[in-house]
Amino acid sequence: MSADELSMEQIDLLLKAAVAAPSMHNTQPWRFEIDRHAINIYLDGSRALPAEDPTGRAMRIAAGAATFNLRCAAAAMGCGSWFGLMPDRYDPDLVARVVVEPINEPDRVLKQLAQEIPRRHTSREPVRPVHLAAEVRALLSKAAMTEQAELTWLPAPKVKEVLDLLVDTDLREIGDWHRRAERAHWVGGERSTDGVPSSVLGPRSAAYPSPVRDMGTSPTDQTRSRAVFEADPVLAVLSTNADTRADQVAAGLALQRMLLTATREGLKASFLNQPLEYDDLRRAVQRSTGKPGHAHMVIRFGHSTVTATTPRRPVSAFVPAHQESS
């Protein structure tokens, strides 16, 4: 790397790591612009979910997760990364700017977590009955705190409260054809570049409500095989004190640091974010933590397998055409 410009090989490595981040329905709602040794991360409005994510909060969380992966990849290349969130108030689609420069001592933790990026996958399978040690919970809480967020582990009564909110969510969605159509556009079937293919939906739960979100929309996906999931799921809520656009991007950084840390500890995660799509239920989720703030993610942790993974678009799809060969 020259003193002031990233090479094409470095850009490719950085963006491959960034686009491996999770996003709602695997829409991959981001694009990148390269300015010498800085990378600007933008939202891609063509991949918005207006029915399920009308404010764009989930998009900003996803962009924050991609930003964190990019920083990890920079550390793995022996570089430091300095970043700003929502750096231009006149351009709300610009969610982060990351400056990448050589450094004598790259962040050791980020460098280690970079190894977990290709291993991190959402698992919608039943978890094995293995106790989640207090030390591991503390590690994950610390990971969230490092990025200015808070992870609250829910006790059994509060887990039941959140699961009960899933019933409320399902009842609200019965007559909402906009949501069902939007989900059907992104979920199910065979997919090679984006969306959630049928192969990663996992089994349907034999009990209701389920600790895993059933996103099946097609008749085939809605009749797939059933399985018994854990009766006492381990759930945690990721929150921030405020709820500005920058806070939502920061929640994405916290989410990804936590997910990569969990992967390093042999854990898999899935999400129960349905209640967060409704303002009143989102407030109810936050109340379940017993703390002030704004809930961004409801996460289920456990030891489970990954039978299939979601696809990603090629890096060239995320950058302007004029930058591909510059």
C-alpha atoms as a PDB file:
ATOM      1  CA  MET A   1       0.000   0.000   0.000  1.00  0.00           C
ATOM      2  CA  SER A   2       1.338   3.425  -0.922  1.00  0.00           C
ATOM      3  CA  ALA A   3       1.266   6.229   1.588  1.00  0.00           C
ATOM      4  CA  ASP A   4      -2.038   7.589   0.324  1.00  0.00           C
ATOM      5  CA  GLU A   5      -3.783   5.031  -1.865  1.00  0.00           C
ATOM      6  CA  LEU A   6      -5.218   1.521  -1.491  1.00  0.00           C
ATOM      7  CA  SER A   7      -4.279  -1.071  -4.097  1.00  0.00           C
ATOM      8  CA  MET A   8      -6.957  -2.989  -6.002  1.00  0.00           C
ATOM      9  CA  GLU A   9      -5.960  -6.164  -4.153  1.00  0.00           C
ATOM     10  CA  GLN A  10      -6.413  -4.455  -0.795  1.00  0.00           C
ATOM     11  CA  ILE A  11      -9.753  -2.983  -1.828  1.00  0.00           C
ATOM     12  CA  ASP A  12     -10.927  -6.428  -2.887  1.00  0.00           C
ATOM     13  CA  LEU A  13      -9.933  -7.960   0.466  1.00  0.00           C
ATOM     14  CA  LEU A  14     -11.525  -5.150   2.450  1.00  0.00           C
ATOM     15  CA  LEU A  15     -14.828  -5.227   0.572  1.00  0.00           C
ATOM     16  CA  LYS A  16     -15.082  -9.027   0.538  1.00  0.00           C
ATOM     17  CA  ALA A  17     -14.931  -8.879   4.317  1.00  0.00           C
ATOM     18  CA  ALA A  18     -17.412  -5.991   4.510  1.00  0.00           C
ATOM     19  CA  VAL A  19     -20.091  -7.661   2.382  1.00  0.00           C
ATOM     20  CA  ALA A  20     -19.949 -10.835   4.498  1.00  0.00           C
ATOM     21  CA  ALA A  21     -21.858  -8.928   7.199  1.00  0.00           C
ATOM     22  CA  PRO A  22     -25.453  -9.919   8.002  1.00  0.00           C
ATOM     23  CA  SER A  23     -28.422  -7.894   6.791  1.00  0.00           C
ATOM     24  CA  MET A  24     -32.180  -8.242   7.125  1.00  0.00           C
ATOM     25  CA  HIS A  25     -33.338 -10.852   4.583  1.00  0.00           C
ATOM     26  CA  ASN A  26     -29.767 -10.753   3.224  1.00  0.00           C
ATOM     27  CA  THR A  27     -30.584  -7.732   1.080  1.00  0.00           C
ATOM     28  CA  GLN A  28     -26.950  -6.512   1.320  1.00  0.00           C
ATOM     29  CA  PRO A  29     -28.114  -2.859   1.342  1.00  0.00           C
ATOM     30  CA  TRP A  30     -24.779  -1.125   0.971  1.00  0.00           C
ATOM     31  CA  ARG A  31     -22.443   0.318  -1.635  1.00  0.00           C
ATOM     32  CA  PHE A  32     -18.916   1.646  -1.399  1.00  0.00           C
ATOM     33  CA  GLU A  33     -16.873   4.460  -2.898  1.00  0.00           C
ATOM     34  CA  ILE A  34     -13.090   4.506  -2.700  1.00  0.00           C
ATOM     35  CA  ASP A  35     -11.283   7.802  -2.219  1.00  0.00           C
ATOM     36  CA  ARG A  36      -7.530   7.081  -2.216  1.00  0.00           C
ATOM     37  CA  HIS A  37      -7.114   5.393   1.195  1.00  0.00           C
ATOM     38  CA  ALA A  38     -10.610   6.110   2.490  1.00  0.00           C
ATOM     39  CA  ILE A  39     -13.713   3.986   1.945  1.00  0.00           C
ATOM     40  CA  ASN A  40     -17.166   5.527   2.122  1.00  0.00           C
ATOM     41  CA  ILE A  41     -20.050   3.210   3.035  1.00  0.00           C
ATOM     42  CA  TYR A  42     -23.431   4.210   1.655  1.00  0.00           C
ATOM     43  CA  LEU A  43     -26.933   2.797   1.945  1.00  0.00           C
ATOM     44  CA  ASP A  44     -28.342   1.342  -1.263  1.00  0.00           C
ATOM     45  CA  GLY A  45     -31.938   2.543  -1.412  1.00  0.00           C
ATOM     46  CA  SER A  46     -32.766   0.088  -4.185  1.00  0.00           C
ATOM     47  CA  ARG A  47     -32.494  -2.655  -1.555  1.00  0.00           C
ATOM     48  CA  ALA A  48     -34.712  -1.081   1.059  1.00  0.00           C
ATOM     49  CA  LEU A  49     -37.544  -2.945   2.806  1.00  0.00           C
ATOM     50  CA  PRO A  50     -40.275  -0.283   2.964  1.00  0.00           C
ATOM     51  CA  ALA A  51     -42.872  -2.580   4.554  1.00  0.00           C
ATOM     52  CA  GLU A  52     -40.731  -4.213   7.236  1.00  0.00           C
ATOM     53  CA  ASP A  53     -38.064  -1.532   7.707  1.00  0.00           C
ATOM     54  CA  PRO A  54     -39.790   1.752   6.808  1.00  0.00           C
ATOM     55  CA  THR A  55     -37.312   3.981   8.673  1.00  0.00           C
ATOM     56  CA  GLY A  56     -34.194   2.251   7.346  1.00  0.00           C
ATOM     57  CA  ARG A  57     -33.002   1.326  10.843  1.00  0.00           C
ATOM     58  CA  ALA A  58     -32.214  -2.279   9.850  1.00  0.00           C
ATOM     59  CA  MET A  59     -30.303  -1.012   6.813  1.00  0.00           C
ATOM     60  CA  ARG A  60     -28.142   1.214   8.992  1.00  0.00           C
ATOM     61  CA  ILE A  61     -27.488  -1.651  11.410  1.00  0.00           C
ATOM     62  CA  ALA A  62     -26.376  -3.792   8.464  1.00  0.00           C
ATOM     63  CA  ALA A  63     -24.103  -1.012   7.200  1.00  0.00           C
ATOM     64  CA  GLY A  64     -22.584  -0.734  10.665  1.00  0.00           C
ATOM     65  CA  ALA A  65     -21.866  -4.471  10.663  1.00  0.00           C
ATOM     66  CA  ALA A  66     -20.201  -4.159   7.247  1.00  0.00           C
ATOM     67  CA  THR A  67     -18.113  -1.265   8.579  1.00  0.00           C
ATOM     68  CA  PHE A  68     -16.891  -3.381  11.460  1.00  0.00           C
ATOM     69  CA  ASN A  69     -15.901  -6.237   9.140  1.00  0.00           C
ATOM     70  CA  LEU A  70     -13.976  -3.768   7.004  1.00  0.00           C
ATOM     71  CA  ARG A  71     -12.056  -2.569  10.052  1.00  0.00           C
ATOM     72  CA  CYS A  72     -11.202  -6.173  10.975  1.00  0.00           C
ATOM     73  CA  ALA A  73      -9.909  -6.835   7.456  1.00  0.00           C
ATOM     74  CA  ALA A  74      -7.791  -3.684   7.646  1.00  0.00           C
ATOM     75  CA  ALA A  75      -6.179  -4.914  10.871  1.00  0.00           C
ATOM     76  CA  ALA A  76      -5.496  -8.297   9.257  1.00  0.00           C
ATOM     77  CA  MET A  77      -3.633  -6.420   6.467  1.00  0.00           C
ATOM     78  CA  GLY A  78      -1.454  -4.662   9.043  1.00  0.00           C
ATOM     79  CA  CYS A  79      -3.358  -1.394   8.890  1.00  0.00           C
ATOM     80  CA  GLY A  80      -5.173   0.875  11.274  1.00  0.00           C
ATOM     81  CA  SER A  81      -8.662   2.202  10.570  1.00  0.00           C
ATOM     82  CA  TRP A  82     -10.100   5.525  11.647  1.00  0.00           C
ATOM     83  CA  PHE A  83     -13.782   6.014  11.097  1.00  0.00           C
ATOM     84  CA  GLY A  84     -16.648   8.440  11.452  1.00  0.00           C
ATOM     85  CA  LEU A  85     -20.344   7.589  11.546  1.00  0.00           C
ATOM     86  CA  MET A  86     -22.865   9.667   9.550  1.00  0.00           C
ATOM     87  CA  PRO A  87     -19.997  12.005   8.569  1.00  0.00           C
ATOM     88  CA  ASP A  88     -22.056  14.265   6.281  1.00  0.00           C
ATOM     89  CA  ARG A  89     -25.350  15.628   7.591  1.00  0.00           C
ATOM     90  CA  TYR A  90     -26.285  16.687   4.065  1.00  0.00           C
ATOM     91  CA  ASP A  91     -25.917  13.132   2.724  1.00  0.00           C
ATOM     92  CA  PRO A  92     -27.942  10.730   4.924  1.00  0.00           C
ATOM     93  CA  ASP A  93     -27.059   7.762   2.691  1.00  0.00           C
ATOM     94  CA  LEU A  94     -23.392   8.122   3.674  1.00  0.00           C
ATOM     95  CA  VAL A  95     -23.348   6.127   6.908  1.00  0.00           C
ATOM     96  CA  ALA A  96     -19.616   5.784   7.566  1.00  0.00           C
ATOM     97  CA  ARG A  97     -16.203   6.806   6.305  1.00  0.00           C
ATOM     98  CA  VAL A  98     -13.215   4.581   7.095  1.00  0.00           C
ATOM     99  CA  VAL A  99      -9.629   5.734   6.577  1.00  0.00           C
ATOM    100  CA  VAL A 100      -7.185   2.831   6.192  1.00  0.00           C
ATOM    101  CA  GLU A 101      -3.467   3.428   6.759  1.00  0.00           C
ATOM    102  CA  PRO A 102      -0.404   1.273   7.564  1.00  0.00           C
ATOM    103  CA  ILE A 103       0.377   1.146  11.266  1.00  0.00           C
ATOM    104  CA  ASN A 104       3.114  -0.440  13.371  1.00  0.00           C
ATOM    105  CA  GLU A 105       0.742  -2.261  15.692  1.00  0.00           C
ATOM    106  CA  PRO A 106      -2.700  -3.046  14.238  1.00  0.00           C
ATOM    107  CA  ASP A 107      -5.524  -3.659  16.692  1.00  0.00           C
ATOM    108  CA  ARG A 108      -4.868  -7.175  17.974  1.00  0.00           C
ATOM    109  CA  VAL A 109      -8.498  -8.009  18.723  1.00  0.00           C
ATOM    110  CA  LEU A 110      -9.725  -6.821  15.321  1.00  0.00           C
ATOM    111  CA  LYS A 111      -6.992  -8.860  13.651  1.00  0.00           C
ATOM    112  CA  GLN A 112      -8.105 -11.975  15.525  1.00  0.00           C
ATOM    113  CA  LEU A 113     -11.780 -11.402  14.781  1.00  0.00           C
ATOM    114  CA  ALA A 114     -11.016 -11.064  11.058  1.00  0.00           C
ATOM    115  CA  GLN A 115     -10.388 -14.819  11.037  1.00  0.00           C
ATOM    116  CA  GLU A 116     -13.978 -15.401  12.177  1.00  0.00           C
ATOM    117  CA  ILE A 117     -15.644 -13.442   9.352  1.00  0.00           C
ATOM    118  CA  PRO A 118     -15.922 -16.394   6.921  1.00  0.00           C
ATOM    119  CA  ARG A 119     -17.024 -18.678   9.778  1.00  0.00           C
ATOM    120  CA  ARG A 120     -19.866 -16.495  11.042  1.00  0.00           C
ATOM    121  CA  HIS A 121     -23.246 -17.679   9.809  1.00  0.00           C
ATOM    122  CA  THR A 122     -26.784 -17.432  11.134  1.00  0.00           C
ATOM    123  CA  SER A 123     -28.088 -20.808  12.329  1.00  0.00           C
ATOM    124  CA  ARG A 124     -31.818 -21.527  12.449  1.00  0.00           C
ATOM    125  CA  GLU A 125     -31.261 -25.080  13.709  1.00  0.00           C
ATOM    126  CA  PRO A 126     -32.060 -26.440  17.189  1.00  0.00           C
ATOM    127  CA  VAL A 127     -29.237 -25.804  19.659  1.00  0.00           C
ATOM    128  CA  ARG A 128     -27.442 -28.449  21.666  1.00  0.00           C
ATOM    129  CA  PRO A 129     -28.155 -28.445  25.423  1.00  0.00           C
ATOM    130  CA  VAL A 130     -24.846 -26.873  26.456  1.00  0.00           C
ATOM    131  CA  HIS A 131     -24.715 -24.303  29.240  1.00  0.00           C
ATOM    132  CA  LEU A 132     -23.656 -20.809  28.183  1.00  0.00           C
ATOM    133  CA  ALA A 133     -21.010 -19.956  30.760  1.00  0.00           C
ATOM    134  CA  ALA A 134     -21.068 -16.654  32.621  1.00  0.00           C
ATOM    135  CA  GLU A 135     -17.583 -15.915  31.281  1.00  0.00           C
ATOM    136  CA  VAL A 136     -18.833 -16.185  27.695  1.00  0.00           C
ATOM    137  CA  ARG A 137     -21.837 -13.970  28.427  1.00  0.00           C
ATOM    138  CA  ALA A 138     -19.474 -11.400  29.925  1.00  0.00           C
ATOM    139  CA  LEU A 139     -17.258 -11.523  26.827  1.00  0.00           C
ATOM    140  CA  LEU A 140     -20.213 -10.841  24.553  1.00  0.00           C
ATOM    141  CA  SER A 141     -21.485  -8.045  26.778  1.00  0.00           C
ATOM    142  CA  LYS A 142     -18.026  -6.469  26.741  1.00  0.00           C
ATOM    143  CA  ALA A 143     -17.928  -6.705  22.943  1.00  0.00           C
ATOM    144  CA  ALA A 144     -21.168  -4.738  22.684  1.00  0.00           C
ATOM    145  CA  MET A 145     -20.016  -2.202  25.249  1.00  0.00           C
ATOM    146  CA  THR A 146     -16.795  -1.583  23.317  1.00  0.00           C
ATOM    147  CA  GLU A 147     -18.939  -0.185  20.476  1.00  0.00           C
ATOM    148  CA  GLN A 148     -21.120   1.955  22.782  1.00  0.00           C
ATOM    149  CA  ALA A 149     -24.044  -0.501  22.974  1.00  0.00           C
ATOM    150  CA  GLU A 150     -25.444  -2.730  25.692  1.00  0.00           C
ATOM    151  CA  LEU A 151     -26.289  -6.426  25.632  1.00  0.00           C
ATOM    152  CA  THR A 152     -28.875  -7.509  28.195  1.00  0.00           C
ATOM    153  CA  TRP A 153     -29.328 -11.213  28.929  1.00  0.00           C
ATOM    154  CA  LEU A 154     -32.978 -11.956  29.584  1.00  0.00           C
ATOM    155  CA  PRO A 155     -34.022 -14.152  32.536  1.00  0.00           C
ATOM    156  CA  ALA A 156     -36.600 -16.882  31.876  1.00  0.00           C
ATOM    157  CA  PRO A 157     -39.702 -14.784  32.718  1.00  0.00           C
ATOM    158  CA  LYS A 158     -38.568 -12.016  30.381  1.00  0.00           C
ATOM    159  CA  VAL A 159     -37.782 -14.542  27.647  1.00  0.00           C
ATOM    160  CA  LYS A 160     -41.411 -15.654  27.871  1.00  0.00           C
ATOM    161  CA  GLU A 161     -42.557 -12.031  27.600  1.00  0.00           C
ATOM    162  CA  VAL A 162     -40.592 -11.567  24.391  1.00  0.00           C
ATOM    163  CA  LEU A 163     -41.833 -14.857  22.953  1.00  0.00           C
ATOM    164  CA  ASP A 164     -45.387 -13.765  23.703  1.00  0.00           C
ATOM    165  CA  LEU A 165     -44.736 -10.622  21.654  1.00  0.00           C
ATOM    166  CA  LEU A 166     -44.094 -12.886  18.660  1.00  0.00           C
ATOM    167  CA  VAL A 167     -47.726 -13.998  18.820  1.00  0.00           C
ATOM    168  CA  ASP A 168     -48.820 -10.362  18.733  1.00  0.00           C
ATOM    169  CA  THR A 169     -46.559  -9.777  15.747  1.00  0.00           C
ATOM    170  CA  ASP A 170     -47.977 -12.762  13.853  1.00  0.00           C
ATOM    171  CA  LEU A 171     -51.538 -11.592  14.463  1.00  0.00           C
ATOM    172  CA  ARG A 172     -50.716  -8.147  13.075  1.00  0.00           C
ATOM    173  CA  GLU A 173     -49.174  -9.639   9.952  1.00  0.00           C
ATOM    174  CA  ILE A 174     -52.175 -11.783   9.020  1.00  0.00           C
ATOM    175  CA  GLY A 175     -53.780  -9.065   6.910  1.00  0.00           C
ATOM    176  CA  ASP A 176     -50.610  -7.251   5.893  1.00  0.00           C
ATOM    177  CA  TRP A 177     -50.040  -8.401   2.336  1.00  0.00           C
ATOM    178  CA  HIS A 178     -47.335  -5.757   1.809  1.00  0.00           C
ATOM    179  CA  ARG A 179     -45.101  -7.458   4.367  1.00  0.00           C
ATOM    180  CA  ARG A 180     -45.830 -10.918   3.031  1.00  0.00           C
ATOM    181  CA  ALA A 181     -45.122  -9.860  -0.553  1.00  0.00           C
ATOM    182  CA  GLU A 182     -41.900  -8.130   0.446  1.00  0.00           C
ATOM    183  CA  ARG A 183     -40.696 -11.186   2.350  1.00  0.00           C
ATOM    184  CA  ALA A 184     -41.622 -13.493  -0.503  1.00  0.00           C
ATOM    185  CA  HIS A 185     -39.486 -11.348  -2.813  1.00  0.00           C
ATOM    186  CA  TRP A 186     -36.387 -11.932  -0.679  1.00  0.00           C
ATOM    187  CA  VAL A 187     -36.968 -15.297   1.005  1.00  0.00           C
ATOM    188  CA  GLY A 188     -37.257 -18.797  -0.410  1.00  0.00           C
ATOM    189  CA  GLY A 189     -36.271 -20.750  -3.483  1.00  0.00           C
ATOM    190  CA  GLU A 190     -32.783 -21.136  -4.878  1.00  0.00           C
ATOM    191  CA  ARG A 191     -30.686 -17.977  -4.664  1.00  0.00           C
ATOM    192  CA  SER A 192     -27.145 -17.385  -5.870  1.00  0.00           C
ATOM    193  CA  THR A 193     -26.424 -13.732  -5.051  1.00  0.00           C
ATOM    194  CA  ASP A 194     -28.740 -12.364  -2.349  1.00  0.00           C
ATOM    195  CA  GLY A 195     -31.843 -13.082  -0.282  1.00  0.00           C
ATOM    196  CA  VAL A 196     -32.458 -16.097   1.951  1.00  0.00           C
ATOM    197  CA  PRO A 197     -32.642 -19.418   0.073  1.00  0.00           C
ATOM    198  CA  SER A 198     -34.932 -22.192   1.270  1.00  0.00           C
ATOM    199  CA  SER A 199     -31.874 -24.267   2.180  1.00  0.00           C
ATOM    200  CA  VAL A 200     -31.005 -22.014   5.157  1.00  0.00           C
ATOM    201  CA  LEU A 201     -34.487 -21.638   6.660  1.00  0.00           C
ATOM    202  CA  GLY A 202     -33.981 -24.609   8.970  1.00  0.00           C
ATOM    203  CA  PRO A 203     -36.836 -26.788  10.213  1.00  0.00           C
ATOM    204  CA  ARG A 204     -40.172 -25.493  11.423  1.00  0.00           C
ATOM    205  CA  SER A 205     -40.661 -25.557  15.157  1.00  0.00           C
ATOM    206  CA  ALA A 206     -42.857 -28.259  16.663  1.00  0.00           C
ATOM    207  CA  ALA A 207     -44.013 -25.742  19.302  1.00  0.00           C
ATOM    208  CA  TYR A 208     -45.401 -22.220  19.131  1.00  0.00           C
ATOM    209  CA  PRO A 209     -44.190 -19.563  19.658  1.00  0.00           C
ATOM    210  CA  SER A 210     -40.786 -20.608  18.408  1.00  0.00           C
ATOM    211  CA  PRO A 211     -37.344 -19.357  19.490  1.00  0.00           C
ATOM    212  CA  VAL A 212     -36.426 -19.175  15.799  1.00  0.00           C
ATOM    213  CA  ARG A 213     -38.118 -16.955  13.237  1.00  0.00           C
ATOM    214  CA  ASP A 214     -39.922 -18.944  10.547  1.00  0.00           C
ATOM    215  CA  MET A 215     -39.533 -16.858   7.399  1.00  0.00           C
ATOM    216  CA  GLY A 216     -41.024 -19.391   5.011  1.00  0.00           C
ATOM    217  CA  THR A 217     -43.549 -17.850   2.633  1.00  0.00           C
ATOM    218  CA  SER A 218     -44.034 -20.304  -0.244  1.00  0.00           C
ATOM    219  CA  PRO A 219     -46.257 -23.397   0.198  1.00  0.00           C
ATOM    220  CA  THR A 220     -43.164 -25.597  -0.066  1.00  0.00           C
ATOM    221  CA  ASP A 221     -41.290 -23.697   2.645  1.00  0.00           C
ATOM    222  CA  GLN A 222     -44.342 -23.584   4.898  1.00  0.00           C
ATOM    223  CA  THR A 223     -44.632 -27.380   4.830  1.00  0.00           C
ATOM    224  CA  ARG A 224     -40.977 -28.271   5.430  1.00  0.00           C
ATOM    225  CA  SER A 225     -40.124 -30.741   8.198  1.00  0.00           C
ATOM    226  CA  ARG A 226     -40.538 -29.931  11.897  1.00  0.00           C
ATOM    227  CA  ALA A 227     -38.081 -30.223  14.773  1.00  0.00           C
ATOM    228  CA  VAL A 228     -38.086 -29.731  18.526  1.00  0.00           C
ATOM    229  CA  PHE A 229     -36.288 -26.573  19.606  1.00  0.00           C
ATOM    230  CA  GLU A 230     -35.022 -25.715  23.074  1.00  0.00           C
ATOM    231  CA  ALA A 231     -37.694 -24.989  25.661  1.00  0.00           C
ATOM    232  CA  ASP A 232     -35.533 -22.399  27.422  1.00  0.00           C
ATOM    233  CA  PRO A 233     -33.776 -20.355  24.731  1.00  0.00           C
ATOM    234  CA  VAL A 234     -30.905 -18.042  25.593  1.00  0.00           C
ATOM    235  CA  LEU A 235     -32.000 -14.589  24.442  1.00  0.00           C
ATOM    236  CA  ALA A 236     -30.284 -11.234  24.698  1.00  0.00           C
ATOM    237  CA  VAL A 237     -31.332  -7.734  23.622  1.00  0.00           C
ATOM    238  CA  LEU A 238     -28.877  -5.329  21.997  1.00  0.00           C
ATOM    239  CA  SER A 239     -29.686  -1.681  22.789  1.00  0.00           C
ATOM    240  CA  THR A 240     -28.255   1.820  22.607  1.00  0.00           C
ATOM    241  CA  ASN A 241     -28.987   4.775  24.875  1.00  0.00           C
ATOM    242  CA  ALA A 242     -30.199   7.016  22.051  1.00  0.00           C
ATOM    243  CA  ASP A 243     -31.788   6.220  18.705  1.00  0.00           C
ATOM    244  CA  THR A 244     -30.245   8.597  16.191  1.00  0.00           C
ATOM    245  CA  ARG A 245     -29.106   7.347  12.803  1.00  0.00           C
ATOM    246  CA  ALA A 246     -25.534   7.281  14.092  1.00  0.00           C
ATOM    247  CA  ASP A 247     -26.661   5.204  17.086  1.00  0.00           C
ATOM    248  CA  GLN A 248     -28.246   2.694  14.717  1.00  0.00           C
ATOM    249  CA  VAL A 249     -25.030   2.390  12.727  1.00  0.00           C
ATOM    250  CA  ALA A 250     -23.122   1.998  16.016  1.00  0.00           C
ATOM    251  CA  ALA A 251     -25.529  -0.799  16.953  1.00  0.00           C
ATOM    252  CA  GLY A 252     -24.411  -2.570  13.775  1.00  0.00           C
ATOM    253  CA  LEU A 253     -20.754  -2.272  14.767  1.00  0.00           C
ATOM    254  CA  ALA A 254     -21.608  -3.649  18.211  1.00  0.00           C
ATOM    255  CA  LEU A 255     -23.662  -6.457  16.699  1.00  0.00           C
ATOM    256  CA  GLN A 256     -20.849  -7.615  14.432  1.00  0.00           C
ATOM    257  CA  ARG A 257     -18.141  -7.386  17.087  1.00  0.00           C
ATOM    258  CA  MET A 258     -20.367  -9.483  19.315  1.00  0.00           C
ATOM    259  CA  LEU A 259     -21.238 -12.027  16.598  1.00  0.00           C
ATOM    260  CA  LEU A 260     -17.601 -12.531  15.631  1.00  0.00           C
ATOM    261  CA  THR A 261     -16.690 -12.918  19.305  1.00  0.00           C
ATOM    262  CA  ALA A 262     -19.477 -15.489  19.673  1.00  0.00           C
ATOM    263  CA  THR A 263     -18.185 -17.355  16.618  1.00  0.00           C
ATOM    264  CA  ARG A 264     -14.718 -17.480  18.158  1.00  0.00           C
ATOM    265  CA  GLU A 265     -16.307 -19.039  21.251  1.00  0.00           C
ATOM    266  CA  GLY A 266     -18.038 -21.734  19.196  1.00  0.00           C
ATOM    267  CA  LEU A 267     -21.499 -20.147  19.314  1.00  0.00           C
ATOM    268  CA  LYS A 268     -24.063 -19.547  16.598  1.00  0.00           C
ATOM    269  CA  ALA A 269     -26.749 -16.869  16.612  1.00  0.00           C
ATOM    270  CA  SER A 270     -30.131 -16.210  15.069  1.00  0.00           C
ATOM    271  CA  PHE A 271     -32.534 -13.311  15.401  1.00  0.00           C
ATOM    272  CA  LEU A 272     -36.070 -12.767  16.702  1.00  0.00           C
ATOM    273  CA  ASN A 273     -36.521  -9.198  15.537  1.00  0.00           C
ATOM    274  CA  GLN A 274     -40.192  -9.341  14.504  1.00  0.00           C
ATOM    275  CA  PRO A 275     -41.428  -7.218  17.457  1.00  0.00           C
ATOM    276  CA  LEU A 276     -38.831  -4.553  16.687  1.00  0.00           C
ATOM    277  CA  GLU A 277     -40.641  -3.817  13.414  1.00  0.00           C
ATOM    278  CA  TYR A 278     -43.485  -2.198  15.394  1.00  0.00           C
ATOM    279  CA  ASP A 279     -42.770   0.853  17.541  1.00  0.00           C
ATOM    280  CA  ASP A 280     -44.951  -0.164  20.492  1.00  0.00           C
ATOM    281  CA  LEU A 281     -43.622  -3.734  20.572  1.00  0.00           C
ATOM    282  CA  ARG A 282     -40.084  -2.453  20.220  1.00  0.00           C
ATOM    283  CA  ARG A 283     -40.629  -0.379  23.360  1.00  0.00           C
ATOM    284  CA  ALA A 284     -42.020  -3.483  25.081  1.00  0.00           C
ATOM    285  CA  VAL A 285     -38.842  -5.407  24.187  1.00  0.00           C
ATOM    286  CA  GLN A 286     -36.723  -2.652  25.688  1.00  0.00           C
ATOM    287  CA  ARG A 287     -38.866  -2.673  28.845  1.00  0.00           C
ATOM    288  CA  SER A 288     -38.105  -6.380  29.206  1.00  0.00           C
ATOM    289  CA  THR A 289     -34.462  -5.446  29.804  1.00  0.00           C
ATOM    290  CA  GLY A 290     -35.396  -3.277  32.788  1.00  0.00           C
ATOM    291  CA  LYS A 291     -33.159  -0.508  31.409  1.00  0.00           C
ATOM    292  CA  PRO A 292     -33.644   2.734  29.490  1.00  0.00           C
ATOM    293  CA  GLY A 293     -32.649   2.802  25.869  1.00  0.00           C
ATOM    294  CA  HIS A 294     -33.728   1.587  22.445  1.00  0.00           C
ATOM    295  CA  ALA A 295     -33.747  -2.066  21.404  1.00  0.00           C
ATOM    296  CA  HIS A 296     -32.146  -2.930  18.055  1.00  0.00           C
ATOM    297  CA  MET A 297     -31.766  -6.705  18.017  1.00  0.00           C
ATOM    298  CA  VAL A 298     -33.177  -9.747  19.820  1.00  0.00           C
ATOM    299  CA  ILE A 299     -30.546 -12.459  19.542  1.00  0.00           C
ATOM    300  CA  ARG A 300     -30.716 -16.172  20.303  1.00  0.00           C
ATOM    301  CA  PHE A 301     -27.392 -17.824  21.137  1.00  0.00           C
ATOM    302  CA  GLY A 302     -26.439 -21.470  21.312  1.00  0.00           C
ATOM    303  CA  HIS A 303     -24.261 -24.295  20.090  1.00  0.00           C
ATOM    304  CA  SER A 304     -25.701 -25.499  16.803  1.00  0.00           C
ATOM    305  CA  THR A 305     -24.789 -26.502  13.294  1.00  0.00           C
ATOM    306  CA  VAL A 306     -24.926 -24.598  10.015  1.00  0.00           C
ATOM    307  CA  THR A 307     -26.289 -26.722   7.186  1.00  0.00           C
ATOM    308  CA  ALA A 308     -26.208 -24.032   4.483  1.00  0.00           C
ATOM    309  CA  THR A 309     -25.245 -20.383   4.096  1.00  0.00           C
ATOM    310  CA  THR A 310     -26.679 -17.300   2.401  1.00  0.00           C
ATOM    311  CA  PRO A 311     -25.032 -16.126  -0.833  1.00  0.00           C
ATOM    312  CA  ARG A 312     -23.291 -12.823  -1.526  1.00  0.00           C
ATOM    313  CA  ARG A 313     -23.077 -10.651  -4.597  1.00  0.00           C
ATOM    314  CA  PRO A 314     -19.623 -10.120  -6.143  1.00  0.00           C
ATOM    315  CA  VAL A 315     -17.624  -7.154  -4.876  1.00  0.00           C
ATOM    316  CA  SER A 316     -17.942  -5.470  -8.285  1.00  0.00           C
ATOM    317  CA  ALA A 317     -21.685  -5.087  -7.677  1.00  0.00           C
ATOM    318  CA  PHE A 318     -21.051  -2.764  -4.727  1.00  0.00           C
ATOM    319  CA  VAL A 319     -18.751  -0.149  -6.260  1.00  0.00           C
ATOM    320  CA  PRO A 320     -19.282   2.368  -9.078  1.00  0.00           C
ATOM    321  CA  ALA A 321     -18.278   1.003 -12.473  1.00  0.00           C
ATOM    322  CA  HIS A 322     -15.648   3.692 -12.984  1.00  0.00           C
ATOM    323  CA  GLN A 323     -13.825   2.565  -9.823  1.00  0.00           C
ATOM    324  CA  GLU A 324     -13.569  -1.143 -10.724  1.00  0.00           C
ATOM    325  CA  SER A 325     -10.486  -0.664 -12.878  1.00  0.00           C
ATOM    326  CA  SER A 326      -9.134   2.624 -11.596  1.00  0.00           C
END
